[in-house]
Amino acid sequence: MSTATLQRDARQESDSLSTGTTQLVSFSLANELYGIEITKVREIILITEITRIPQTPHYVKGLINLRSTVIPVVDLRAKFGLPESPFTDESRIMVLQAVGKTIGIIVDAVSEVLRIKQDQIAPPPPTVAGLGREYLTGLVKLEKQLLILLDIDKTLDHDEMAGIG
């Protein structure tokens, strides 16, 4: 999925807000399907060399240099308390604009851009797959799977990210 595709889809997202639909980038993590608003996603890149930094939370993998911009990278598996898994050919870093800064998140695979009608989004139950309700904005029933919608700004809390990168 190219940066140009994401930018085009983000522009379409602005138009679709008035029609009651939203666009999401879906990704997998520990065999679950998650979604983030496309307007938060800047680009999707291959896993690259990550420089570890001392005295950071366990889920902060380190920093990457993306075209001369240093970006902190968070491992969502570690953040959510999910078991570790080695990177695969499908693993990606999603570069996001969240909590007022550019942050990368490591995901198992990026799936697709989905257009979801607002009435398809159900409120989250108290817990889903071990995640706290505060991280979720809703759930969408797809044909074969449940899509968990993340509030990435709450997931990557501003206070936690303030001293990183």
N, C-alpha and C. Protein backbone atom coordinates (compact mmCIF):
# COMPACT_ATOMS: atom_id res chain seq x y z
N MET A 1 0.86 -1.16 0.00
CA MET A 1 0.00 0.00 0.00
C MET A 1 0.90 1.23 0.00
N SER A 2 0.81 2.05 -1.00
CA SER A 2 1.73 3.17 -1.16
C SER A 2 1.26 4.40 -0.39
N THR A 3 2.20 5.32 -0.18
CA THR A 3 1.88 6.59 0.46
C THR A 3 0.86 7.36 -0.36
N ALA A 4 1.00 7.34 -1.68
CA ALA A 4 0.04 8.04 -2.55
C ALA A 4 -1.37 7.47 -2.38
N THR A 5 -1.47 6.16 -2.26
CA THR A 5 -2.77 5.53 -2.05
C THR A 5 -3.37 5.97 -0.73
N LEU A 6 -2.56 6.00 0.32
CA LEU A 6 -3.05 6.44 1.63
C LEU A 6 -3.50 7.89 1.58
N GLN A 7 -2.74 8.75 0.91
CA GLN A 7 -3.11 10.16 0.81
C GLN A 7 -4.42 10.32 0.05
N ARG A 8 -4.57 9.60 -1.05
CA ARG A 8 -5.81 9.66 -1.82
C ARG A 8 -6.98 9.18 -0.97
N ASP A 9 -6.79 8.06 -0.28
CA ASP A 9 -7.87 7.53 0.53
C ASP A 9 -8.20 8.45 1.70
N ALA A 10 -7.20 9.13 2.26
CA ALA A 10 -7.46 10.08 3.34
C ALA A 10 -8.29 11.25 2.83
N ARG A 11 -8.01 11.72 1.60
CA ARG A 11 -8.82 12.80 1.03
C ARG A 11 -10.26 12.32 0.84
N GLN A 12 -10.41 11.10 0.38
CA GLN A 12 -11.76 10.54 0.21
C GLN A 12 -12.45 10.40 1.56
N GLU A 13 -11.68 10.13 2.60
CA GLU A 13 -12.25 10.01 3.94
C GLU A 13 -12.90 11.31 4.35
N SER A 14 -12.27 12.44 4.06
CA SER A 14 -12.85 13.74 4.39
C SER A 14 -14.20 13.89 3.71
N ASP A 15 -14.29 13.47 2.46
CA ASP A 15 -15.55 13.55 1.72
C ASP A 15 -16.59 12.59 2.29
N SER A 16 -16.15 11.43 2.76
CA SER A 16 -17.09 10.41 3.19
C SER A 16 -17.69 10.70 4.57
N LEU A 17 -17.06 11.58 5.36
CA LEU A 17 -17.61 11.89 6.67
C LEU A 17 -19.02 12.44 6.55
N SER A 18 -19.28 13.22 5.52
CA SER A 18 -20.61 13.79 5.33
C SER A 18 -21.62 12.73 4.88
N THR A 19 -21.16 11.60 4.39
CA THR A 19 -22.07 10.54 3.94
C THR A 19 -22.28 9.46 5.00
N GLY A 20 -21.70 9.61 6.18
CA GLY A 20 -21.89 8.63 7.24
C GLY A 20 -21.03 7.40 7.13
N THR A 21 -19.93 7.48 6.38
CA THR A 21 -19.00 6.36 6.30
C THR A 21 -17.63 6.83 6.76
N THR A 22 -16.82 5.86 7.12
CA THR A 22 -15.45 6.16 7.51
C THR A 22 -14.53 5.15 6.85
N GLN A 23 -13.29 5.56 6.58
CA GLN A 23 -12.31 4.64 6.01
C GLN A 23 -11.30 4.26 7.07
N LEU A 24 -10.95 2.99 7.08
CA LEU A 24 -10.03 2.45 8.06
C LEU A 24 -8.94 1.66 7.36
N VAL A 25 -7.75 1.70 7.93
CA VAL A 25 -6.69 0.78 7.50
C VAL A 25 -6.76 -0.39 8.47
N SER A 26 -6.94 -1.59 7.92
CA SER A 26 -7.04 -2.77 8.78
C SER A 26 -5.69 -3.49 8.81
N PHE A 27 -5.42 -4.08 9.97
CA PHE A 27 -4.16 -4.81 10.15
C PHE A 27 -4.38 -5.94 11.14
N SER A 28 -3.49 -6.92 11.08
CA SER A 28 -3.61 -8.05 12.00
C SER A 28 -2.52 -7.99 13.06
N LEU A 29 -2.91 -8.52 14.20
CA LEU A 29 -2.02 -8.59 15.36
C LEU A 29 -2.48 -9.79 16.17
N ALA A 30 -1.62 -10.79 16.30
CA ALA A 30 -1.94 -12.00 17.07
C ALA A 30 -3.26 -12.62 16.62
N ASN A 31 -3.43 -12.76 15.31
CA ASN A 31 -4.61 -13.39 14.70
C ASN A 31 -5.92 -12.65 14.92
N GLU A 32 -5.85 -11.40 15.33
CA GLU A 32 -7.04 -10.55 15.44
C GLU A 32 -6.92 -9.44 14.41
N LEU A 33 -8.06 -8.92 13.97
CA LEU A 33 -8.09 -7.86 12.97
C LEU A 33 -8.45 -6.54 13.65
N TYR A 34 -7.61 -5.53 13.41
CA TYR A 34 -7.80 -4.20 14.00
C TYR A 34 -7.95 -3.17 12.90
N GLY A 35 -8.51 -2.02 13.27
CA GLY A 35 -8.63 -0.93 12.32
C GLY A 35 -8.30 0.40 12.96
N ILE A 36 -7.68 1.28 12.17
CA ILE A 36 -7.35 2.64 12.58
C ILE A 36 -7.86 3.57 11.50
N GLU A 37 -8.40 4.71 11.91
CA GLU A 37 -8.85 5.70 10.93
C GLU A 37 -7.73 6.03 9.95
N ILE A 38 -8.07 6.06 8.69
CA ILE A 38 -7.06 6.29 7.66
C ILE A 38 -6.41 7.66 7.80
N THR A 39 -7.11 8.61 8.37
CA THR A 39 -6.55 9.96 8.52
C THR A 39 -5.37 9.98 9.49
N LYS A 40 -5.23 8.95 10.32
CA LYS A 40 -4.11 8.85 11.26
C LYS A 40 -2.87 8.23 10.61
N VAL A 41 -3.05 7.50 9.51
CA VAL A 41 -1.96 6.73 8.90
C VAL A 41 -1.24 7.58 7.86
N ARG A 42 0.07 7.75 8.05
CA ARG A 42 0.88 8.53 7.10
C ARG A 42 1.47 7.64 6.02
N GLU A 43 2.01 6.49 6.42
CA GLU A 43 2.53 5.53 5.46
C GLU A 43 2.77 4.20 6.14
N ILE A 44 3.03 3.20 5.32
CA ILE A 44 3.29 1.85 5.79
C ILE A 44 4.61 1.41 5.18
N ILE A 45 5.54 0.97 6.05
CA ILE A 45 6.88 0.61 5.57
C ILE A 45 7.26 -0.79 6.03
N LEU A 46 8.25 -1.36 5.36
CA LEU A 46 8.82 -2.63 5.79
C LEU A 46 9.53 -2.43 7.12
N ILE A 47 9.67 -3.51 7.87
CA ILE A 47 10.44 -3.45 9.11
C ILE A 47 11.87 -3.09 8.74
N THR A 48 12.40 -2.12 9.43
CA THR A 48 13.76 -1.65 9.18
C THR A 48 14.55 -1.74 10.48
N GLU A 49 15.80 -1.36 10.43
CA GLU A 49 16.63 -1.40 11.64
C GLU A 49 16.08 -0.45 12.69
N ILE A 50 15.87 -0.98 13.89
CA ILE A 50 15.34 -0.19 15.00
C ILE A 50 16.44 -0.04 16.04
N THR A 51 16.76 1.19 16.39
CA THR A 51 17.79 1.47 17.39
C THR A 51 17.13 1.54 18.77
N ARG A 52 17.54 0.64 19.63
CA ARG A 52 16.97 0.61 20.99
C ARG A 52 17.42 1.83 21.78
N ILE A 53 16.55 2.28 22.67
CA ILE A 53 16.90 3.39 23.56
C ILE A 53 16.66 2.94 25.00
N PRO A 54 17.59 3.29 25.90
CA PRO A 54 17.49 2.82 27.28
C PRO A 54 16.38 3.54 28.05
N GLN A 55 15.94 2.89 29.11
CA GLN A 55 14.99 3.45 30.06
C GLN A 55 13.71 3.95 29.41
N THR A 56 13.17 3.13 28.53
CA THR A 56 11.87 3.42 27.93
C THR A 56 10.93 2.27 28.30
N PRO A 57 9.64 2.48 28.20
CA PRO A 57 8.71 1.38 28.49
C PRO A 57 9.02 0.15 27.63
N HIS A 58 8.68 -1.03 28.14
CA HIS A 58 9.02 -2.29 27.47
C HIS A 58 8.46 -2.38 26.05
N TYR A 59 7.37 -1.72 25.78
CA TYR A 59 6.73 -1.81 24.46
C TYR A 59 7.32 -0.84 23.43
N VAL A 60 8.20 0.07 23.87
CA VAL A 60 8.88 0.97 22.93
C VAL A 60 10.10 0.23 22.41
N LYS A 61 10.07 -0.14 21.13
CA LYS A 61 11.16 -0.92 20.55
C LYS A 61 12.39 -0.07 20.28
N GLY A 62 12.20 1.22 20.06
CA GLY A 62 13.33 2.10 19.78
C GLY A 62 12.96 3.15 18.76
N LEU A 63 13.98 3.55 17.98
CA LEU A 63 13.82 4.63 17.00
C LEU A 63 14.22 4.14 15.62
N ILE A 64 13.55 4.70 14.60
CA ILE A 64 13.97 4.46 13.22
C ILE A 64 14.27 5.80 12.57
N ASN A 65 15.09 5.76 11.54
CA ASN A 65 15.39 6.94 10.74
C ASN A 65 14.64 6.78 9.43
N LEU A 66 13.61 7.59 9.25
CA LEU A 66 12.79 7.52 8.03
C LEU A 66 13.00 8.81 7.25
N ARG A 67 13.83 8.73 6.21
CA ARG A 67 14.14 9.90 5.38
C ARG A 67 14.54 11.10 6.24
N SER A 68 15.51 10.87 7.11
CA SER A 68 16.10 11.89 7.98
C SER A 68 15.17 12.38 9.08
N THR A 69 14.09 11.67 9.34
CA THR A 69 13.22 11.97 10.46
C THR A 69 13.30 10.81 11.44
N VAL A 70 13.59 11.10 12.70
CA VAL A 70 13.69 10.07 13.73
C VAL A 70 12.29 9.85 14.31
N ILE A 71 11.87 8.58 14.29
CA ILE A 71 10.51 8.24 14.70
C ILE A 71 10.56 7.14 15.76
N PRO A 72 9.88 7.32 16.90
CA PRO A 72 9.80 6.24 17.88
C PRO A 72 8.88 5.13 17.36
N VAL A 73 9.21 3.89 17.72
CA VAL A 73 8.44 2.73 17.26
C VAL A 73 7.93 1.95 18.47
N VAL A 74 6.63 1.69 18.45
CA VAL A 74 5.96 0.95 19.53
C VAL A 74 5.55 -0.42 19.00
N ASP A 75 5.81 -1.45 19.80
CA ASP A 75 5.36 -2.80 19.48
C ASP A 75 3.99 -2.99 20.11
N LEU A 76 2.93 -3.01 19.30
CA LEU A 76 1.58 -3.14 19.85
C LEU A 76 1.37 -4.47 20.57
N ARG A 77 2.06 -5.53 20.13
CA ARG A 77 1.95 -6.81 20.84
C ARG A 77 2.37 -6.62 22.31
N ALA A 78 3.51 -5.98 22.52
CA ALA A 78 4.00 -5.76 23.87
C ALA A 78 3.09 -4.80 24.63
N LYS A 79 2.63 -3.75 23.98
CA LYS A 79 1.75 -2.76 24.61
C LYS A 79 0.47 -3.43 25.11
N PHE A 80 -0.07 -4.37 24.32
CA PHE A 80 -1.32 -5.03 24.68
C PHE A 80 -1.12 -6.29 25.52
N GLY A 81 0.14 -6.63 25.84
CA GLY A 81 0.41 -7.82 26.65
C GLY A 81 0.21 -9.12 25.90
N LEU A 82 0.36 -9.08 24.58
CA LEU A 82 0.22 -10.28 23.75
C LEU A 82 1.57 -10.99 23.65
N PRO A 83 1.58 -12.29 23.35
CA PRO A 83 2.85 -13.01 23.25
C PRO A 83 3.71 -12.46 22.11
N GLU A 84 5.03 -12.49 22.34
CA GLU A 84 5.97 -12.06 21.30
C GLU A 84 5.90 -13.00 20.11
N SER A 85 6.25 -12.45 18.95
CA SER A 85 6.28 -13.24 17.74
C SER A 85 7.39 -12.68 16.86
N PRO A 86 8.17 -13.53 16.21
CA PRO A 86 9.22 -13.00 15.34
C PRO A 86 8.60 -12.27 14.15
N PHE A 87 9.35 -11.31 13.61
CA PHE A 87 8.90 -10.60 12.42
C PHE A 87 8.86 -11.56 11.25
N THR A 88 7.91 -11.33 10.35
CA THR A 88 7.79 -12.14 9.13
C THR A 88 7.89 -11.22 7.92
N ASP A 89 7.76 -11.80 6.74
CA ASP A 89 7.75 -10.99 5.52
C ASP A 89 6.54 -10.07 5.46
N GLU A 90 5.50 -10.39 6.22
CA GLU A 90 4.28 -9.59 6.25
C GLU A 90 4.32 -8.48 7.29
N SER A 91 5.24 -8.54 8.25
CA SER A 91 5.32 -7.54 9.32
C SER A 91 5.60 -6.16 8.73
N ARG A 92 5.00 -5.15 9.33
CA ARG A 92 5.14 -3.78 8.85
C ARG A 92 5.22 -2.81 10.01
N ILE A 93 5.74 -1.63 9.70
CA ILE A 93 5.64 -0.49 10.60
C ILE A 93 4.64 0.47 9.97
N MET A 94 3.57 0.77 10.70
CA MET A 94 2.61 1.76 10.25
C MET A 94 3.03 3.09 10.87
N VAL A 95 3.33 4.07 10.04
CA VAL A 95 3.73 5.39 10.52
C VAL A 95 2.46 6.21 10.67
N LEU A 96 2.21 6.65 11.90
CA LEU A 96 0.96 7.33 12.24
C LEU A 96 1.21 8.74 12.75
N GLN A 97 0.19 9.55 12.67
CA GLN A 97 0.17 10.84 13.36
C GLN A 97 -0.77 10.63 14.54
N ALA A 98 -0.20 10.55 15.73
CA ALA A 98 -1.00 10.28 16.93
C ALA A 98 -0.39 11.03 18.10
N VAL A 99 -1.19 11.35 19.06
CA VAL A 99 -0.79 12.09 20.26
C VAL A 99 0.09 13.29 19.92
N GLY A 100 -0.20 13.94 18.82
CA GLY A 100 0.53 15.14 18.44
C GLY A 100 1.92 14.92 17.87
N LYS A 101 2.27 13.67 17.56
CA LYS A 101 3.58 13.41 16.97
C LYS A 101 3.52 12.25 16.00
N THR A 102 4.61 12.07 15.26
CA THR A 102 4.71 10.95 14.33
C THR A 102 5.30 9.76 15.08
N ILE A 103 4.59 8.63 15.03
CA ILE A 103 4.98 7.43 15.76
C ILE A 103 4.78 6.23 14.85
N GLY A 104 5.68 5.25 14.95
CA GLY A 104 5.51 4.01 14.21
C GLY A 104 4.97 2.93 15.12
N ILE A 105 4.11 2.08 14.58
CA ILE A 105 3.64 0.91 15.34
C ILE A 105 3.95 -0.34 14.52
N ILE A 106 4.42 -1.37 15.21
CA ILE A 106 4.73 -2.64 14.55
C ILE A 106 3.47 -3.50 14.56
N VAL A 107 3.10 -4.00 13.37
CA VAL A 107 1.94 -4.88 13.24
C VAL A 107 2.36 -6.14 12.49
N ASP A 108 1.59 -7.20 12.65
CA ASP A 108 1.91 -8.47 11.99
C ASP A 108 1.74 -8.39 10.48
N ALA A 109 0.70 -7.69 10.03
CA ALA A 109 0.43 -7.54 8.59
C ALA A 109 -0.60 -6.44 8.41
N VAL A 110 -0.50 -5.74 7.30
CA VAL A 110 -1.52 -4.75 6.93
C VAL A 110 -2.43 -5.42 5.93
N SER A 111 -3.73 -5.29 6.14
CA SER A 111 -4.69 -6.00 5.30
C SER A 111 -5.18 -5.16 4.14
N GLU A 112 -6.03 -4.16 4.43
CA GLU A 112 -6.63 -3.37 3.36
C GLU A 112 -7.25 -2.10 3.93
N VAL A 113 -7.68 -1.24 3.02
CA VAL A 113 -8.46 -0.06 3.40
C VAL A 113 -9.92 -0.45 3.28
N LEU A 114 -10.67 -0.22 4.36
CA LEU A 114 -12.08 -0.57 4.39
C LEU A 114 -12.93 0.69 4.50
N ARG A 115 -14.05 0.70 3.82
CA ARG A 115 -15.03 1.78 3.96
C ARG A 115 -16.18 1.19 4.79
N ILE A 116 -16.41 1.77 5.96
CA ILE A 116 -17.39 1.25 6.90
C ILE A 116 -18.47 2.30 7.14
N LYS A 117 -19.72 1.88 7.11
CA LYS A 117 -20.83 2.77 7.44
C LYS A 117 -20.90 2.91 8.96
N GLN A 118 -21.25 4.11 9.42
CA GLN A 118 -21.31 4.36 10.86
C GLN A 118 -22.26 3.40 11.57
N ASP A 119 -23.35 3.01 10.92
CA ASP A 119 -24.31 2.12 11.58
C ASP A 119 -23.81 0.68 11.68
N GLN A 120 -22.67 0.37 11.06
CA GLN A 120 -22.06 -0.96 11.19
C GLN A 120 -21.19 -1.06 12.44
N ILE A 121 -20.89 0.08 13.05
CA ILE A 121 -19.98 0.11 14.20
C ILE A 121 -20.78 -0.05 15.49
N ALA A 122 -20.47 -1.11 16.23
CA ALA A 122 -21.11 -1.38 17.52
C ALA A 122 -20.20 -0.89 18.63
N PRO A 123 -20.78 -0.46 19.75
CA PRO A 123 -19.93 -0.04 20.87
C PRO A 123 -19.17 -1.24 21.43
N PRO A 124 -17.98 -0.98 21.97
CA PRO A 124 -17.18 -2.10 22.49
C PRO A 124 -17.73 -2.62 23.81
N PRO A 125 -17.62 -3.94 24.02
CA PRO A 125 -17.95 -4.49 25.34
C PRO A 125 -16.85 -4.11 26.33
N PRO A 126 -17.03 -4.41 27.61
CA PRO A 126 -16.01 -4.01 28.61
C PRO A 126 -14.59 -4.46 28.30
N THR A 127 -14.40 -5.68 27.77
CA THR A 127 -13.06 -6.13 27.37
C THR A 127 -13.15 -6.90 26.07
N VAL A 128 -12.13 -6.74 25.25
CA VAL A 128 -12.04 -7.47 23.98
C VAL A 128 -10.60 -7.93 23.83
N ALA A 129 -10.38 -9.23 23.70
CA ALA A 129 -9.06 -9.81 23.47
C ALA A 129 -8.02 -9.28 24.46
N GLY A 130 -8.45 -9.05 25.71
CA GLY A 130 -7.52 -8.59 26.73
C GLY A 130 -7.25 -7.10 26.72
N LEU A 131 -7.83 -6.39 25.78
CA LEU A 131 -7.61 -4.95 25.70
C LEU A 131 -8.57 -4.22 26.62
N GLY A 132 -8.13 -3.09 27.15
CA GLY A 132 -9.02 -2.26 27.93
C GLY A 132 -9.97 -1.50 27.02
N ARG A 133 -11.16 -1.26 27.50
CA ARG A 133 -12.19 -0.55 26.75
C ARG A 133 -11.73 0.83 26.31
N GLU A 134 -10.86 1.44 27.09
CA GLU A 134 -10.41 2.81 26.78
C GLU A 134 -9.64 2.90 25.46
N TYR A 135 -9.11 1.80 24.98
CA TYR A 135 -8.37 1.80 23.71
C TYR A 135 -9.27 1.65 22.49
N LEU A 136 -10.53 1.28 22.71
CA LEU A 136 -11.40 0.91 21.61
C LEU A 136 -12.44 1.98 21.29
N THR A 137 -12.78 2.09 20.01
CA THR A 137 -13.87 2.98 19.62
C THR A 137 -15.07 2.18 19.16
N GLY A 138 -14.90 0.91 18.87
CA GLY A 138 -16.03 0.09 18.46
C GLY A 138 -15.60 -1.21 17.82
N LEU A 139 -16.60 -1.97 17.38
CA LEU A 139 -16.41 -3.25 16.73
C LEU A 139 -17.25 -3.29 15.47
N VAL A 140 -16.73 -3.95 14.44
CA VAL A 140 -17.47 -4.11 13.20
C VAL A 140 -17.48 -5.60 12.86
N LYS A 141 -18.67 -6.13 12.59
CA LYS A 141 -18.78 -7.53 12.18
C LYS A 141 -18.58 -7.59 10.67
N LEU A 142 -17.50 -8.22 10.26
CA LEU A 142 -17.23 -8.46 8.84
C LEU A 142 -17.72 -9.86 8.50
N GLU A 143 -17.61 -10.24 7.24
CA GLU A 143 -18.09 -11.57 6.83
C GLU A 143 -17.50 -12.70 7.65
N LYS A 144 -16.17 -12.70 7.79
CA LYS A 144 -15.50 -13.84 8.43
C LYS A 144 -14.83 -13.50 9.75
N GLN A 145 -14.82 -12.23 10.13
CA GLN A 145 -14.05 -11.84 11.30
C GLN A 145 -14.62 -10.59 11.93
N LEU A 146 -14.25 -10.36 13.17
CA LEU A 146 -14.61 -9.16 13.89
C LEU A 146 -13.47 -8.16 13.75
N LEU A 147 -13.79 -6.92 13.41
CA LEU A 147 -12.80 -5.85 13.28
C LEU A 147 -12.85 -5.01 14.54
N ILE A 148 -11.72 -4.89 15.22
CA ILE A 148 -11.61 -4.13 16.46
C ILE A 148 -11.08 -2.74 16.11
N LEU A 149 -11.86 -1.70 16.39
CA LEU A 149 -11.45 -0.34 16.05
C LEU A 149 -10.70 0.28 17.22
N LEU A 150 -9.47 0.70 16.95
CA LEU A 150 -8.61 1.28 17.99
C LEU A 150 -8.68 2.80 17.99
N ASP A 151 -8.69 3.37 19.18
CA ASP A 151 -8.47 4.80 19.35
C ASP A 151 -6.97 4.94 19.56
N ILE A 152 -6.25 5.23 18.50
CA ILE A 152 -4.78 5.19 18.56
C ILE A 152 -4.22 6.28 19.47
N ASP A 153 -4.93 7.40 19.61
CA ASP A 153 -4.45 8.45 20.51
C ASP A 153 -4.51 8.00 21.97
N LYS A 154 -5.52 7.23 22.33
CA LYS A 154 -5.59 6.70 23.70
C LYS A 154 -4.64 5.53 23.88
N THR A 155 -4.48 4.73 22.83
CA THR A 155 -3.57 3.59 22.89
C THR A 155 -2.14 4.06 23.12
N LEU A 156 -1.76 5.12 22.40
CA LEU A 156 -0.42 5.70 22.53
C LEU A 156 -0.56 6.99 23.34
N ASP A 157 -0.81 6.83 24.62
CA ASP A 157 -1.07 7.94 25.52
C ASP A 157 -0.01 9.03 25.42
N HIS A 158 -0.45 10.27 25.38
CA HIS A 158 0.45 11.42 25.21
C HIS A 158 1.52 11.47 26.30
N ASP A 159 1.14 11.26 27.56
CA ASP A 159 2.11 11.32 28.65
C ASP A 159 3.17 10.23 28.51
N GLU A 160 2.77 9.04 28.07
CA GLU A 160 3.73 7.95 27.89
C GLU A 160 4.70 8.25 26.76
N MET A 161 4.23 8.91 25.71
CA MET A 161 5.03 9.16 24.52
C MET A 161 5.82 10.46 24.60
N ALA A 162 5.53 11.30 25.58
CA ALA A 162 6.11 12.65 25.64
C ALA A 162 7.64 12.66 25.63
N GLY A 163 8.27 11.75 26.36
CA GLY A 163 9.73 11.76 26.46
C GLY A 163 10.43 10.91 25.43
N ILE A 164 9.69 10.37 24.47
CA ILE A 164 10.28 9.45 23.50
C ILE A 164 10.35 10.12 22.14
N GLY A 165 11.49 10.03 21.50
CA GLY A 165 11.63 10.55 20.14
C GLY A 165 11.62 12.02 20.11
